[in-house]
Amino acid sequence: MKKPGLLLLMGWMVSLSASAKTVIYTDSQHPPVNLTPDSRVVWLDAPERFYRINRESLYGGGDDYYL
């Protein structure tokens, strides 16, 4: 491969790696602040919150229905 083609390929590869997005792992007790638009948030307690919200809406939030 000629030198200009190699430089073009290397520049293309560098630009792809520079477009990596930020992933933040947290829970509802520690919400993230100052996020960029391309940030992704993974809520570690999302299944628990989903269960708690649905249980409260179905059963009125009583602890006697907790499984």
C-alpha atoms as a PDB file:
ATOM      1  CA  MET A   1       0.000   0.000   0.000  1.00  0.00           C
ATOM      2  CA  LYS A   2       1.295   3.411  -0.833  1.00  0.00           C
ATOM      3  CA  LYS A   3       2.093   5.964   1.831  1.00  0.00           C
ATOM      4  CA  PRO A   4      -0.905   8.308   1.156  1.00  0.00           C
ATOM      5  CA  GLY A   5      -3.316   5.379   1.324  1.00  0.00           C
ATOM      6  CA  LEU A   6      -1.783   4.185   4.576  1.00  0.00           C
ATOM      7  CA  LEU A   7      -2.027   7.663   6.094  1.00  0.00           C
ATOM      8  CA  LEU A   8      -5.652   7.930   5.013  1.00  0.00           C
ATOM      9  CA  LEU A   9      -6.435   4.554   6.561  1.00  0.00           C
ATOM     10  CA  MET A  10      -4.688   5.468   9.817  1.00  0.00           C
ATOM     11  CA  GLY A  11      -6.533   8.797  10.000  1.00  0.00           C
ATOM     12  CA  TRP A  12      -9.836   7.040   9.432  1.00  0.00           C
ATOM     13  CA  MET A  13      -9.119   4.534  12.216  1.00  0.00           C
ATOM     14  CA  VAL A  14      -8.155   7.293  14.655  1.00  0.00           C
ATOM     15  CA  SER A  15     -11.356   9.214  13.928  1.00  0.00           C
ATOM     16  CA  LEU A  16     -13.449   6.118  14.636  1.00  0.00           C
ATOM     17  CA  SER A  17     -11.826   5.574  18.007  1.00  0.00           C
ATOM     18  CA  ALA A  18     -12.307   9.235  18.928  1.00  0.00           C
ATOM     19  CA  SER A  19     -16.079   8.937  18.586  1.00  0.00           C
ATOM     20  CA  ALA A  20     -16.390   6.599  21.578  1.00  0.00           C
ATOM     21  CA  LYS A  21     -19.259   7.417  23.907  1.00  0.00           C
ATOM     22  CA  THR A  22     -19.174   7.630  27.682  1.00  0.00           C
ATOM     23  CA  VAL A  23     -21.073   5.025  29.702  1.00  0.00           C
ATOM     24  CA  ILE A  24     -21.828   5.778  33.349  1.00  0.00           C
ATOM     25  CA  TYR A  25     -22.851   3.014  35.768  1.00  0.00           C
ATOM     26  CA  THR A  26     -24.704   4.318  38.823  1.00  0.00           C
ATOM     27  CA  ASP A  27     -27.786   3.870  40.989  1.00  0.00           C
ATOM     28  CA  SER A  28     -30.678   6.110  41.965  1.00  0.00           C
ATOM     29  CA  GLN A  29     -28.935   7.188  45.178  1.00  0.00           C
ATOM     30  CA  HIS A  30     -26.075   8.749  43.194  1.00  0.00           C
ATOM     31  CA  PRO A  31     -27.533  10.379  40.055  1.00  0.00           C
ATOM     32  CA  PRO A  32     -24.996  11.667  37.535  1.00  0.00           C
ATOM     33  CA  VAL A  33     -24.516  15.378  36.905  1.00  0.00           C
ATOM     34  CA  ASN A  34     -23.025  17.354  34.014  1.00  0.00           C
ATOM     35  CA  LEU A  35     -23.701  14.715  31.371  1.00  0.00           C
ATOM     36  CA  THR A  36     -22.879  15.290  27.749  1.00  0.00           C
ATOM     37  CA  PRO A  37     -25.568  14.550  25.151  1.00  0.00           C
ATOM     38  CA  ASP A  38     -23.748  11.433  23.970  1.00  0.00           C
ATOM     39  CA  SER A  39     -23.430   9.947  27.483  1.00  0.00           C
ATOM     40  CA  ARG A  40     -25.292   6.767  28.309  1.00  0.00           C
ATOM     41  CA  VAL A  41     -26.430   6.021  31.871  1.00  0.00           C
ATOM     42  CA  VAL A  42     -26.878   2.450  33.104  1.00  0.00           C
ATOM     43  CA  TRP A  43     -28.993   2.384  36.252  1.00  0.00           C
ATOM     44  CA  LEU A  44     -27.813  -0.566  38.339  1.00  0.00           C
ATOM     45  CA  ASP A  45     -30.932  -0.589  40.508  1.00  0.00           C
ATOM     46  CA  ALA A  46     -33.420  -0.263  37.633  1.00  0.00           C
ATOM     47  CA  PRO A  47     -34.959  -3.762  38.084  1.00  0.00           C
ATOM     48  CA  GLU A  48     -35.478  -3.140  41.803  1.00  0.00           C
ATOM     49  CA  ARG A  49     -37.031   0.291  41.184  1.00  0.00           C
ATOM     50  CA  PHE A  50     -39.273  -1.149  38.458  1.00  0.00           C
ATOM     51  CA  TYR A  51     -40.483  -3.890  40.806  1.00  0.00           C
ATOM     52  CA  ARG A  52     -41.031  -1.436  43.683  1.00  0.00           C
ATOM     53  CA  ILE A  53     -43.017   1.033  41.543  1.00  0.00           C
ATOM     54  CA  ASN A  54     -45.228  -1.707  40.093  1.00  0.00           C
ATOM     55  CA  ARG A  55     -45.768  -3.308  43.504  1.00  0.00           C
ATOM     56  CA  GLU A  56     -46.809   0.025  45.005  1.00  0.00           C
ATOM     57  CA  SER A  57     -49.234   0.749  42.178  1.00  0.00           C
ATOM     58  CA  LEU A  58     -50.793  -2.728  42.373  1.00  0.00           C
ATOM     59  CA  TYR A  59     -50.881  -3.290  46.123  1.00  0.00           C
ATOM     60  CA  GLY A  60     -50.779   0.178  47.614  1.00  0.00           C
ATOM     61  CA  GLY A  61     -47.183  -0.014  48.783  1.00  0.00           C
ATOM     62  CA  GLY A  62     -47.709  -2.246  51.815  1.00  0.00           C
ATOM     63  CA  ASP A  63     -44.746  -4.315  52.951  1.00  0.00           C
ATOM     64  CA  ASP A  64     -46.953  -7.339  53.626  1.00  0.00           C
ATOM     65  CA  TYR A  65     -47.015  -7.999  49.865  1.00  0.00           C
ATOM     66  CA  TYR A  66     -43.248  -8.025  49.536  1.00  0.00           C
ATOM     67  CA  LEU A  67     -41.993 -11.361  48.214  1.00  0.00           C
END
